[in-house]
Amino acid sequence: MSVSPRLVRKLQQVLGTESEDLVTWLDEERAQRKELANAVRSGFDELRSSIHRVDKGVAEAKADLMKWSFVFWVGAVSAIAVLAGVLR
């Protein structure tokens, strides 16, 4: 999207022929800003993907911890039951 015709006319009224350089510069700046915005969007998409991978890894680690906690809990309860049976 370039500089609006209304702005170009106003610049020509105020600056005369020098307005062409300003209009060109404004168009270039707008294009650079658009490229930067696209790069930032791309960076955010990549960041979201990385966060998703980390979140998935945390969920897997949590599931493993729950499994091992259950195994140790069953072992402890079994050991207490055996000791209770021996001490009678």
N, C-alpha and C. Protein backbone atom coordinates (compact mmCIF):
# COMPACT_ATOMS: atom_id res chain seq x y z
N MET A 1 0.85 -1.17 0.00
CA MET A 1 0.00 0.00 0.00
C MET A 1 0.89 1.23 0.00
N SER A 2 0.69 2.08 -0.94
CA SER A 2 1.53 3.27 -1.05
C SER A 2 0.86 4.46 -0.36
N VAL A 3 1.55 5.58 -0.44
CA VAL A 3 1.05 6.80 0.18
C VAL A 3 -0.23 7.24 -0.55
N SER A 4 -1.20 7.69 0.21
CA SER A 4 -2.49 8.05 -0.38
C SER A 4 -2.35 9.25 -1.34
N PRO A 5 -3.18 9.28 -2.38
CA PRO A 5 -3.12 10.39 -3.34
C PRO A 5 -3.37 11.76 -2.69
N ARG A 6 -4.24 11.75 -1.69
CA ARG A 6 -4.53 13.01 -1.00
C ARG A 6 -3.28 13.56 -0.32
N LEU A 7 -2.52 12.66 0.32
CA LEU A 7 -1.28 13.08 0.98
C LEU A 7 -0.25 13.54 -0.04
N VAL A 8 -0.18 12.85 -1.17
CA VAL A 8 0.76 13.24 -2.23
C VAL A 8 0.45 14.64 -2.72
N ARG A 9 -0.84 14.93 -2.97
CA ARG A 9 -1.22 16.28 -3.42
C ARG A 9 -0.85 17.34 -2.40
N LYS A 10 -1.11 17.04 -1.13
CA LYS A 10 -0.80 18.01 -0.08
C LYS A 10 0.71 18.25 0.01
N LEU A 11 1.47 17.16 -0.09
CA LEU A 11 2.93 17.31 -0.05
C LEU A 11 3.43 18.11 -1.25
N GLN A 12 2.85 17.87 -2.42
CA GLN A 12 3.26 18.64 -3.60
C GLN A 12 2.93 20.12 -3.44
N GLN A 13 1.82 20.42 -2.81
CA GLN A 13 1.45 21.82 -2.57
C GLN A 13 2.45 22.49 -1.64
N VAL A 14 2.85 21.76 -0.61
CA VAL A 14 3.72 22.35 0.40
C VAL A 14 5.18 22.32 -0.02
N LEU A 15 5.63 21.18 -0.56
CA LEU A 15 7.06 21.00 -0.83
C LEU A 15 7.43 21.15 -2.30
N GLY A 16 6.47 21.08 -3.17
CA GLY A 16 6.78 21.18 -4.59
C GLY A 16 7.38 19.87 -5.11
N THR A 17 8.41 20.00 -5.95
CA THR A 17 9.00 18.81 -6.58
C THR A 17 9.77 17.94 -5.59
N GLU A 18 10.16 18.50 -4.48
CA GLU A 18 10.90 17.72 -3.48
C GLU A 18 10.01 16.67 -2.82
N SER A 19 8.72 16.78 -3.01
CA SER A 19 7.81 15.83 -2.38
C SER A 19 7.98 14.42 -2.96
N GLU A 20 8.46 14.31 -4.19
CA GLU A 20 8.64 12.99 -4.80
C GLU A 20 9.61 12.13 -3.99
N ASP A 21 10.70 12.74 -3.55
CA ASP A 21 11.67 12.00 -2.74
C ASP A 21 11.04 11.56 -1.42
N LEU A 22 10.26 12.44 -0.83
CA LEU A 22 9.61 12.11 0.44
C LEU A 22 8.59 10.98 0.26
N VAL A 23 7.83 11.03 -0.81
CA VAL A 23 6.84 9.98 -1.08
C VAL A 23 7.55 8.65 -1.30
N THR A 24 8.63 8.66 -2.05
CA THR A 24 9.41 7.44 -2.28
C THR A 24 9.93 6.90 -0.96
N TRP A 25 10.47 7.79 -0.15
CA TRP A 25 11.00 7.37 1.15
C TRP A 25 9.89 6.79 2.03
N LEU A 26 8.71 7.43 2.05
CA LEU A 26 7.59 6.92 2.85
C LEU A 26 7.17 5.53 2.38
N ASP A 27 7.13 5.33 1.07
CA ASP A 27 6.78 4.00 0.53
C ASP A 27 7.81 2.95 0.95
N GLU A 28 9.08 3.31 0.89
CA GLU A 28 10.13 2.37 1.29
C GLU A 28 10.04 2.04 2.78
N GLU A 29 9.79 3.04 3.59
CA GLU A 29 9.66 2.81 5.03
C GLU A 29 8.46 1.92 5.34
N ARG A 30 7.36 2.15 4.65
CA ARG A 30 6.17 1.33 4.86
C ARG A 30 6.46 -0.13 4.47
N ALA A 31 7.17 -0.32 3.36
CA ALA A 31 7.52 -1.68 2.93
C ALA A 31 8.44 -2.35 3.95
N GLN A 32 9.41 -1.60 4.47
CA GLN A 32 10.31 -2.16 5.48
C GLN A 32 9.54 -2.52 6.75
N ARG A 33 8.62 -1.67 7.15
CA ARG A 33 7.82 -1.93 8.34
C ARG A 33 6.96 -3.19 8.15
N LYS A 34 6.44 -3.36 6.94
CA LYS A 34 5.63 -4.55 6.64
C LYS A 34 6.50 -5.80 6.70
N GLU A 35 7.71 -5.74 6.15
CA GLU A 35 8.63 -6.88 6.21
C GLU A 35 8.98 -7.21 7.66
N LEU A 36 9.22 -6.20 8.46
CA LEU A 36 9.54 -6.40 9.87
C LEU A 36 8.37 -7.04 10.61
N ALA A 37 7.16 -6.58 10.32
CA ALA A 37 5.98 -7.15 10.96
C ALA A 37 5.83 -8.63 10.58
N ASN A 38 6.09 -8.95 9.32
CA ASN A 38 6.01 -10.35 8.90
C ASN A 38 7.08 -11.19 9.60
N ALA A 39 8.27 -10.63 9.77
CA ALA A 39 9.34 -11.35 10.46
C ALA A 39 8.97 -11.58 11.93
N VAL A 40 8.37 -10.59 12.55
CA VAL A 40 7.94 -10.73 13.95
C VAL A 40 6.86 -11.79 14.07
N ARG A 41 5.90 -11.78 13.14
CA ARG A 41 4.85 -12.81 13.16
C ARG A 41 5.46 -14.20 13.02
N SER A 42 6.41 -14.32 12.11
CA SER A 42 7.08 -15.60 11.91
C SER A 42 7.81 -16.02 13.18
N GLY A 43 8.46 -15.07 13.84
CA GLY A 43 9.15 -15.36 15.09
C GLY A 43 8.18 -15.83 16.18
N PHE A 44 7.03 -15.20 16.25
CA PHE A 44 6.03 -15.61 17.24
C PHE A 44 5.50 -17.00 16.95
N ASP A 45 5.31 -17.31 15.66
CA ASP A 45 4.85 -18.65 15.30
C ASP A 45 5.87 -19.70 15.72
N GLU A 46 7.13 -19.39 15.51
CA GLU A 46 8.20 -20.30 15.92
C GLU A 46 8.25 -20.43 17.44
N LEU A 47 8.05 -19.33 18.15
CA LEU A 47 8.04 -19.36 19.61
C LEU A 47 6.87 -20.19 20.13
N ARG A 48 5.71 -20.03 19.52
CA ARG A 48 4.55 -20.85 19.93
C ARG A 48 4.85 -22.33 19.74
N SER A 49 5.50 -22.65 18.62
CA SER A 49 5.85 -24.06 18.35
C SER A 49 6.81 -24.58 19.42
N SER A 50 7.77 -23.76 19.79
CA SER A 50 8.74 -24.18 20.82
C SER A 50 8.05 -24.36 22.17
N ILE A 51 7.16 -23.45 22.51
CA ILE A 51 6.43 -23.56 23.77
C ILE A 51 5.58 -24.82 23.77
N HIS A 52 4.98 -25.15 22.64
CA HIS A 52 4.17 -26.37 22.54
C HIS A 52 5.04 -27.61 22.79
N ARG A 53 6.24 -27.63 22.22
CA ARG A 53 7.14 -28.77 22.44
C ARG A 53 7.54 -28.89 23.90
N VAL A 54 7.84 -27.77 24.54
CA VAL A 54 8.20 -27.79 25.96
C VAL A 54 7.03 -28.25 26.80
N ASP A 55 5.85 -27.74 26.49
CA ASP A 55 4.64 -28.12 27.23
C ASP A 55 4.39 -29.63 27.11
N LYS A 56 4.58 -30.16 25.92
CA LYS A 56 4.40 -31.60 25.70
C LYS A 56 5.43 -32.39 26.51
N GLY A 57 6.67 -31.92 26.54
CA GLY A 57 7.72 -32.59 27.32
C GLY A 57 7.41 -32.57 28.81
N VAL A 58 6.91 -31.47 29.30
CA VAL A 58 6.55 -31.36 30.73
C VAL A 58 5.41 -32.33 31.05
N ALA A 59 4.43 -32.41 30.16
CA ALA A 59 3.31 -33.32 30.39
C ALA A 59 3.79 -34.77 30.42
N GLU A 60 4.71 -35.14 29.53
CA GLU A 60 5.24 -36.50 29.52
C GLU A 60 6.03 -36.79 30.79
N ALA A 61 6.84 -35.83 31.23
CA ALA A 61 7.61 -36.01 32.46
C ALA A 61 6.68 -36.15 33.67
N LYS A 62 5.63 -35.37 33.69
CA LYS A 62 4.67 -35.45 34.79
C LYS A 62 4.00 -36.82 34.82
N ALA A 63 3.64 -37.35 33.66
CA ALA A 63 3.02 -38.67 33.59
C ALA A 63 4.00 -39.74 34.10
N ASP A 64 5.27 -39.63 33.72
CA ASP A 64 6.27 -40.59 34.21
C ASP A 64 6.42 -40.50 35.72
N LEU A 65 6.44 -39.29 36.25
CA LEU A 65 6.56 -39.13 37.70
C LEU A 65 5.35 -39.74 38.43
N MET A 66 4.18 -39.57 37.86
CA MET A 66 2.98 -40.15 38.48
C MET A 66 3.06 -41.68 38.50
N LYS A 67 3.54 -42.27 37.40
CA LYS A 67 3.68 -43.73 37.35
C LYS A 67 4.65 -44.24 38.42
N TRP A 68 5.82 -43.60 38.49
CA TRP A 68 6.82 -44.05 39.46
C TRP A 68 6.37 -43.80 40.90
N SER A 69 5.65 -42.71 41.13
CA SER A 69 5.12 -42.46 42.47
C SER A 69 4.15 -43.56 42.87
N PHE A 70 3.32 -43.99 41.94
CA PHE A 70 2.38 -45.06 42.21
C PHE A 70 3.12 -46.37 42.53
N VAL A 71 4.16 -46.67 41.76
CA VAL A 71 4.95 -47.89 41.99
C VAL A 71 5.59 -47.85 43.39
N PHE A 72 6.18 -46.75 43.76
CA PHE A 72 6.80 -46.65 45.09
C PHE A 72 5.75 -46.69 46.20
N TRP A 73 4.59 -46.10 45.98
CA TRP A 73 3.52 -46.12 46.97
C TRP A 73 3.04 -47.55 47.19
N VAL A 74 2.83 -48.29 46.12
CA VAL A 74 2.40 -49.69 46.24
C VAL A 74 3.47 -50.49 46.97
N GLY A 75 4.73 -50.24 46.65
CA GLY A 75 5.82 -50.93 47.34
C GLY A 75 5.84 -50.63 48.82
N ALA A 76 5.65 -49.38 49.18
CA ALA A 76 5.66 -49.01 50.60
C ALA A 76 4.48 -49.63 51.33
N VAL A 77 3.31 -49.61 50.74
CA VAL A 77 2.14 -50.21 51.37
C VAL A 77 2.34 -51.72 51.53
N SER A 78 2.91 -52.34 50.52
CA SER A 78 3.18 -53.79 50.61
C SER A 78 4.17 -54.09 51.72
N ALA A 79 5.22 -53.31 51.83
CA ALA A 79 6.21 -53.53 52.87
C ALA A 79 5.58 -53.36 54.26
N ILE A 80 4.74 -52.37 54.43
CA ILE A 80 4.07 -52.16 55.72
C ILE A 80 3.13 -53.33 56.02
N ALA A 81 2.44 -53.82 55.02
CA ALA A 81 1.53 -54.96 55.21
C ALA A 81 2.31 -56.21 55.62
N VAL A 82 3.46 -56.42 54.98
CA VAL A 82 4.31 -57.57 55.33
C VAL A 82 4.81 -57.42 56.75
N LEU A 83 5.28 -56.25 57.14
CA LEU A 83 5.77 -56.02 58.50
C LEU A 83 4.66 -56.20 59.52
N ALA A 84 3.47 -55.75 59.19
CA ALA A 84 2.35 -55.90 60.10
C ALA A 84 2.01 -57.38 60.29
N GLY A 85 2.13 -58.16 59.23
CA GLY A 85 1.86 -59.60 59.32
C GLY A 85 2.92 -60.32 60.12
N VAL A 86 4.17 -59.89 60.04
CA VAL A 86 5.28 -60.52 60.77
C VAL A 86 5.21 -60.17 62.26
N LEU A 87 4.79 -58.99 62.57
CA LEU A 87 4.80 -58.54 63.96
C LEU A 87 3.62 -59.08 64.75
N ARG A 88 2.66 -59.71 64.19
CA ARG A 88 1.52 -60.24 64.93
C ARG A 88 1.90 -61.38 65.77
